[in-house]
Structure formats: structure tokens, C-alpha cells
Amino acid sequence: MTNENIEKAKADTKKVVSDLGNKLAHAKAEVKADVEKAKAKFGHDDELGKKAAYAKADILAGAEKAKADVDNKLAHAKADAEKAKANIGNRMNDALK
């Protein structure tokens, strides 16, 4: 296996790890929102307070998910750049043969 192929495999692995991290971040955000909603359910006597707490939990979870999505896209872009660099290396080696 050439060095460029190893670099491509590393880039693909980084994408997979990033995707798993993204899924984990989404799950954490959902769990955190559910906990906050449970707290609100038992912590507020008025319906308006419960609704506000639910909305806040959903907004915070959405923000956490959006941040995770941006981080994931950034990791994919970096991995794609590494693969492109490896492809250039392959082409240079082929041209020099």
C-alpha cells in the first residue's frame, strides 16, 4: 500500500469517527433536553412556565446539534482536503514513472 493510499484511508477513518461523534452529540443533546423537560414538568406549577422551559430545552438542544453538525462538516472538509492532497501525490508519482 502506498503512502498516498494510507493517507486516503486515514482521511476516510477521520470522516467515520467524526460521523460517530456527531451522532453521539445529537444523542447527548436529546437526553439533556429530556432531562430539562422532566425537571420542568415537576418544577413548575403553571403551564406557561412548563412551556417556556420545554421551549428553552428544545432551543438549547437544537443549538448543540447545529454546532455538532458544523464541526462534522468541518472534519469532512479537512478529510476531503487530505484525500485531495494524497490524490495529487499519486498523480505526481504516476507522472514521474
N, C-alpha and C. Protein backbone atom coordinates (compact mmCIF):
# COMPACT_ATOMS: atom_id res chain seq x y z
N MET A 1 0.84 -1.18 0.00
CA MET A 1 0.00 0.00 0.00
C MET A 1 0.89 1.24 0.00
N THR A 2 0.62 2.15 -0.90
CA THR A 2 1.45 3.35 -0.98
C THR A 2 1.08 4.33 0.12
N ASN A 3 1.97 5.27 0.36
CA ASN A 3 1.75 6.28 1.36
C ASN A 3 0.48 7.09 1.08
N GLU A 4 0.21 7.37 -0.19
CA GLU A 4 -0.98 8.13 -0.55
C GLU A 4 -2.25 7.36 -0.21
N ASN A 5 -2.22 6.05 -0.44
CA ASN A 5 -3.38 5.22 -0.10
C ASN A 5 -3.60 5.19 1.41
N ILE A 6 -2.52 5.17 2.15
CA ILE A 6 -2.63 5.22 3.61
C ILE A 6 -3.26 6.54 4.04
N GLU A 7 -2.84 7.63 3.41
CA GLU A 7 -3.41 8.95 3.74
C GLU A 7 -4.90 9.00 3.41
N LYS A 8 -5.29 8.38 2.30
CA LYS A 8 -6.72 8.34 1.95
C LYS A 8 -7.50 7.54 2.99
N ALA A 9 -6.94 6.42 3.42
CA ALA A 9 -7.60 5.59 4.42
C ALA A 9 -7.73 6.35 5.74
N LYS A 10 -6.70 7.08 6.11
CA LYS A 10 -6.76 7.89 7.33
C LYS A 10 -7.86 8.94 7.22
N ALA A 11 -7.96 9.57 6.07
CA ALA A 11 -8.99 10.60 5.87
C ALA A 11 -10.38 9.99 5.97
N ASP A 12 -10.57 8.82 5.38
CA ASP A 12 -11.87 8.15 5.46
C ASP A 12 -12.20 7.78 6.91
N THR A 13 -11.19 7.34 7.65
CA THR A 13 -11.38 6.98 9.05
C THR A 13 -11.77 8.21 9.86
N LYS A 14 -11.14 9.35 9.57
CA LYS A 14 -11.49 10.59 10.27
C LYS A 14 -12.94 10.96 10.02
N LYS A 15 -13.42 10.72 8.80
CA LYS A 15 -14.83 11.01 8.50
C LYS A 15 -15.76 10.13 9.32
N VAL A 16 -15.43 8.85 9.40
CA VAL A 16 -16.27 7.91 10.15
C VAL A 16 -16.29 8.29 11.63
N VAL A 17 -15.13 8.60 12.18
CA VAL A 17 -15.05 9.00 13.59
C VAL A 17 -15.85 10.27 13.82
N SER A 18 -15.75 11.21 12.89
CA SER A 18 -16.50 12.45 13.01
C SER A 18 -18.01 12.20 12.96
N ASP A 19 -18.42 11.32 12.07
CA ASP A 19 -19.85 10.98 11.97
C ASP A 19 -20.36 10.35 13.27
N LEU A 20 -19.55 9.47 13.85
CA LEU A 20 -19.94 8.85 15.12
C LEU A 20 -20.03 9.89 16.23
N GLY A 21 -19.06 10.79 16.25
CA GLY A 21 -19.07 11.87 17.24
C GLY A 21 -20.29 12.76 17.08
N ASN A 22 -20.67 13.00 15.83
CA ASN A 22 -21.85 13.81 15.55
C ASN A 22 -23.11 13.13 16.06
N LYS A 23 -23.23 11.84 15.80
CA LYS A 23 -24.40 11.10 16.28
C LYS A 23 -24.44 11.10 17.82
N LEU A 24 -23.30 10.95 18.44
CA LEU A 24 -23.22 10.97 19.89
C LEU A 24 -23.62 12.34 20.43
N ALA A 25 -23.17 13.40 19.80
CA ALA A 25 -23.52 14.75 20.24
C ALA A 25 -25.02 14.99 20.11
N HIS A 26 -25.62 14.48 19.04
CA HIS A 26 -27.07 14.61 18.87
C HIS A 26 -27.81 13.86 19.98
N ALA A 27 -27.36 12.65 20.27
CA ALA A 27 -28.00 11.85 21.32
C ALA A 27 -27.87 12.53 22.68
N LYS A 28 -26.68 13.07 22.98
CA LYS A 28 -26.47 13.78 24.24
C LYS A 28 -27.40 14.99 24.35
N ALA A 29 -27.54 15.72 23.25
CA ALA A 29 -28.41 16.89 23.26
C ALA A 29 -29.86 16.49 23.52
N GLU A 30 -30.29 15.40 22.93
CA GLU A 30 -31.66 14.91 23.14
C GLU A 30 -31.88 14.50 24.60
N VAL A 31 -30.92 13.78 25.15
CA VAL A 31 -31.04 13.32 26.54
C VAL A 31 -31.06 14.52 27.48
N LYS A 32 -30.17 15.47 27.22
CA LYS A 32 -30.11 16.66 28.06
C LYS A 32 -31.44 17.43 28.00
N ALA A 33 -32.01 17.54 26.81
CA ALA A 33 -33.30 18.22 26.66
C ALA A 33 -34.40 17.47 27.40
N ASP A 34 -34.37 16.14 27.31
CA ASP A 34 -35.38 15.34 28.00
C ASP A 34 -35.28 15.51 29.52
N VAL A 35 -34.05 15.58 30.03
CA VAL A 35 -33.85 15.78 31.47
C VAL A 35 -34.39 17.15 31.88
N GLU A 36 -34.08 18.16 31.09
CA GLU A 36 -34.58 19.51 31.40
C GLU A 36 -36.11 19.56 31.35
N LYS A 37 -36.69 18.85 30.40
CA LYS A 37 -38.16 18.80 30.31
C LYS A 37 -38.76 18.08 31.51
N ALA A 38 -38.10 17.03 31.97
CA ALA A 38 -38.59 16.31 33.14
C ALA A 38 -38.52 17.20 34.38
N LYS A 39 -37.43 17.95 34.48
CA LYS A 39 -37.30 18.88 35.60
C LYS A 39 -38.41 19.93 35.55
N ALA A 40 -38.68 20.42 34.34
CA ALA A 40 -39.72 21.44 34.17
C ALA A 40 -41.09 20.89 34.50
N LYS A 41 -41.30 19.65 34.15
CA LYS A 41 -42.61 19.03 34.39
C LYS A 41 -42.96 19.01 35.87
N PHE A 42 -41.95 18.76 36.70
CA PHE A 42 -42.19 18.68 38.13
C PHE A 42 -41.82 19.96 38.88
N GLY A 43 -41.12 20.85 38.21
CA GLY A 43 -40.65 22.05 38.89
C GLY A 43 -41.51 23.28 38.71
N HIS A 44 -42.47 23.25 37.80
CA HIS A 44 -43.32 24.41 37.55
C HIS A 44 -44.78 24.06 37.82
N ASP A 45 -45.42 24.95 38.54
CA ASP A 45 -46.83 24.75 38.82
C ASP A 45 -47.71 25.28 37.70
N ASP A 46 -47.23 26.31 37.01
CA ASP A 46 -48.05 26.91 35.96
C ASP A 46 -47.69 26.34 34.59
N GLU A 47 -48.67 26.27 33.75
CA GLU A 47 -48.50 25.69 32.41
C GLU A 47 -47.57 26.54 31.55
N LEU A 48 -47.63 27.84 31.69
CA LEU A 48 -46.78 28.74 30.89
C LEU A 48 -45.31 28.52 31.22
N GLY A 49 -45.01 28.34 32.50
CA GLY A 49 -43.63 28.08 32.91
C GLY A 49 -43.11 26.78 32.33
N LYS A 50 -43.95 25.77 32.29
CA LYS A 50 -43.56 24.48 31.72
C LYS A 50 -43.28 24.63 30.22
N LYS A 51 -44.17 25.34 29.54
CA LYS A 51 -43.99 25.52 28.10
C LYS A 51 -42.70 26.28 27.80
N ALA A 52 -42.42 27.30 28.59
CA ALA A 52 -41.19 28.09 28.39
C ALA A 52 -39.96 27.22 28.63
N ALA A 53 -40.01 26.41 29.67
CA ALA A 53 -38.87 25.53 29.97
C ALA A 53 -38.68 24.49 28.86
N TYR A 54 -39.79 23.95 28.34
CA TYR A 54 -39.72 22.99 27.24
C TYR A 54 -39.10 23.65 26.00
N ALA A 55 -39.56 24.86 25.71
CA ALA A 55 -39.04 25.57 24.53
C ALA A 55 -37.55 25.85 24.69
N LYS A 56 -37.15 26.26 25.89
CA LYS A 56 -35.72 26.53 26.13
C LYS A 56 -34.90 25.26 25.94
N ALA A 57 -35.40 24.14 26.45
CA ALA A 57 -34.67 22.87 26.31
C ALA A 57 -34.54 22.49 24.83
N ASP A 58 -35.60 22.69 24.07
CA ASP A 58 -35.56 22.38 22.64
C ASP A 58 -34.59 23.29 21.89
N ILE A 59 -34.60 24.56 22.24
CA ILE A 59 -33.70 25.52 21.59
C ILE A 59 -32.25 25.19 21.89
N LEU A 60 -31.95 24.90 23.15
CA LEU A 60 -30.58 24.55 23.52
C LEU A 60 -30.13 23.27 22.83
N ALA A 61 -31.02 22.29 22.76
CA ALA A 61 -30.68 21.03 22.08
C ALA A 61 -30.43 21.29 20.60
N GLY A 62 -31.25 22.12 20.00
CA GLY A 62 -31.06 22.47 18.58
C GLY A 62 -29.73 23.15 18.34
N ALA A 63 -29.36 24.04 19.25
CA ALA A 63 -28.07 24.74 19.12
C ALA A 63 -26.90 23.77 19.25
N GLU A 64 -27.00 22.85 20.20
CA GLU A 64 -25.93 21.86 20.37
C GLU A 64 -25.81 20.96 19.14
N LYS A 65 -26.95 20.58 18.59
CA LYS A 65 -26.94 19.74 17.38
C LYS A 65 -26.36 20.50 16.20
N ALA A 66 -26.72 21.77 16.07
CA ALA A 66 -26.20 22.58 14.97
C ALA A 66 -24.68 22.72 15.07
N LYS A 67 -24.18 22.94 16.28
CA LYS A 67 -22.73 23.05 16.48
C LYS A 67 -22.06 21.73 16.10
N ALA A 68 -22.64 20.62 16.51
CA ALA A 68 -22.08 19.31 16.18
C ALA A 68 -22.09 19.10 14.66
N ASP A 69 -23.15 19.54 14.00
CA ASP A 69 -23.22 19.40 12.54
C ASP A 69 -22.14 20.22 11.85
N VAL A 70 -21.91 21.45 12.34
CA VAL A 70 -20.87 22.30 11.76
C VAL A 70 -19.50 21.67 11.97
N ASP A 71 -19.26 21.18 13.19
CA ASP A 71 -17.97 20.51 13.47
C ASP A 71 -17.78 19.30 12.57
N ASN A 72 -18.86 18.55 12.34
CA ASN A 72 -18.79 17.37 11.49
C ASN A 72 -18.47 17.76 10.05
N LYS A 73 -19.13 18.79 9.55
CA LYS A 73 -18.87 19.23 8.17
C LYS A 73 -17.43 19.73 8.03
N LEU A 74 -16.94 20.40 9.05
CA LEU A 74 -15.56 20.87 9.03
C LEU A 74 -14.58 19.70 9.00
N ALA A 75 -14.85 18.68 9.80
CA ALA A 75 -13.99 17.50 9.80
C ALA A 75 -14.03 16.80 8.45
N HIS A 76 -15.20 16.75 7.82
CA HIS A 76 -15.31 16.14 6.49
C HIS A 76 -14.53 16.95 5.47
N ALA A 77 -14.61 18.27 5.55
CA ALA A 77 -13.87 19.12 4.60
C ALA A 77 -12.37 18.93 4.76
N LYS A 78 -11.91 18.86 6.00
CA LYS A 78 -10.48 18.63 6.24
C LYS A 78 -10.05 17.27 5.69
N ALA A 79 -10.87 16.25 5.91
CA ALA A 79 -10.55 14.91 5.40
C ALA A 79 -10.54 14.89 3.88
N ASP A 80 -11.49 15.59 3.27
CA ASP A 80 -11.52 15.67 1.81
C ASP A 80 -10.28 16.38 1.27
N ALA A 81 -9.81 17.39 1.98
CA ALA A 81 -8.59 18.09 1.57
C ALA A 81 -7.38 17.15 1.67
N GLU A 82 -7.35 16.34 2.71
CA GLU A 82 -6.25 15.37 2.86
C GLU A 82 -6.29 14.34 1.73
N LYS A 83 -7.49 13.90 1.36
CA LYS A 83 -7.61 12.95 0.26
C LYS A 83 -7.18 13.58 -1.06
N ALA A 84 -7.54 14.83 -1.26
CA ALA A 84 -7.15 15.52 -2.49
C ALA A 84 -5.63 15.66 -2.55
N LYS A 85 -5.03 15.95 -1.43
CA LYS A 85 -3.57 16.06 -1.36
C LYS A 85 -2.94 14.70 -1.69
N ALA A 86 -3.51 13.63 -1.18
CA ALA A 86 -3.00 12.29 -1.47
C ALA A 86 -3.16 11.96 -2.95
N ASN A 87 -4.29 12.37 -3.54
CA ASN A 87 -4.50 12.14 -4.97
C ASN A 87 -3.45 12.87 -5.81
N ILE A 88 -3.12 14.07 -5.41
CA ILE A 88 -2.08 14.83 -6.12
C ILE A 88 -0.76 14.09 -6.03
N GLY A 89 -0.48 13.55 -4.83
CA GLY A 89 0.75 12.78 -4.67
C GLY A 89 0.78 11.56 -5.57
N ASN A 90 -0.35 10.87 -5.69
CA ASN A 90 -0.43 9.71 -6.59
C ASN A 90 -0.18 10.12 -8.03
N ARG A 91 -0.79 11.20 -8.45
CA ARG A 91 -0.63 11.66 -9.83
C ARG A 91 0.81 12.08 -10.11
N MET A 92 1.44 12.71 -9.14
CA MET A 92 2.84 13.10 -9.33
C MET A 92 3.73 11.87 -9.46
N ASN A 93 3.47 10.86 -8.63
CA ASN A 93 4.26 9.64 -8.70
C ASN A 93 4.04 8.94 -10.05
N ASP A 94 2.79 8.92 -10.52
CA ASP A 94 2.50 8.31 -11.82
C ASP A 94 3.18 9.06 -12.95
N ALA A 95 3.22 10.37 -12.85
CA ALA A 95 3.83 11.18 -13.90
C ALA A 95 5.34 10.99 -13.95
N LEU A 96 5.95 10.70 -12.82
CA LEU A 96 7.39 10.54 -12.75
C LEU A 96 7.85 9.14 -13.15
N LYS A 97 6.90 8.24 -13.32
CA LYS A 97 7.27 6.85 -13.70
C LYS A 97 7.66 6.77 -15.14
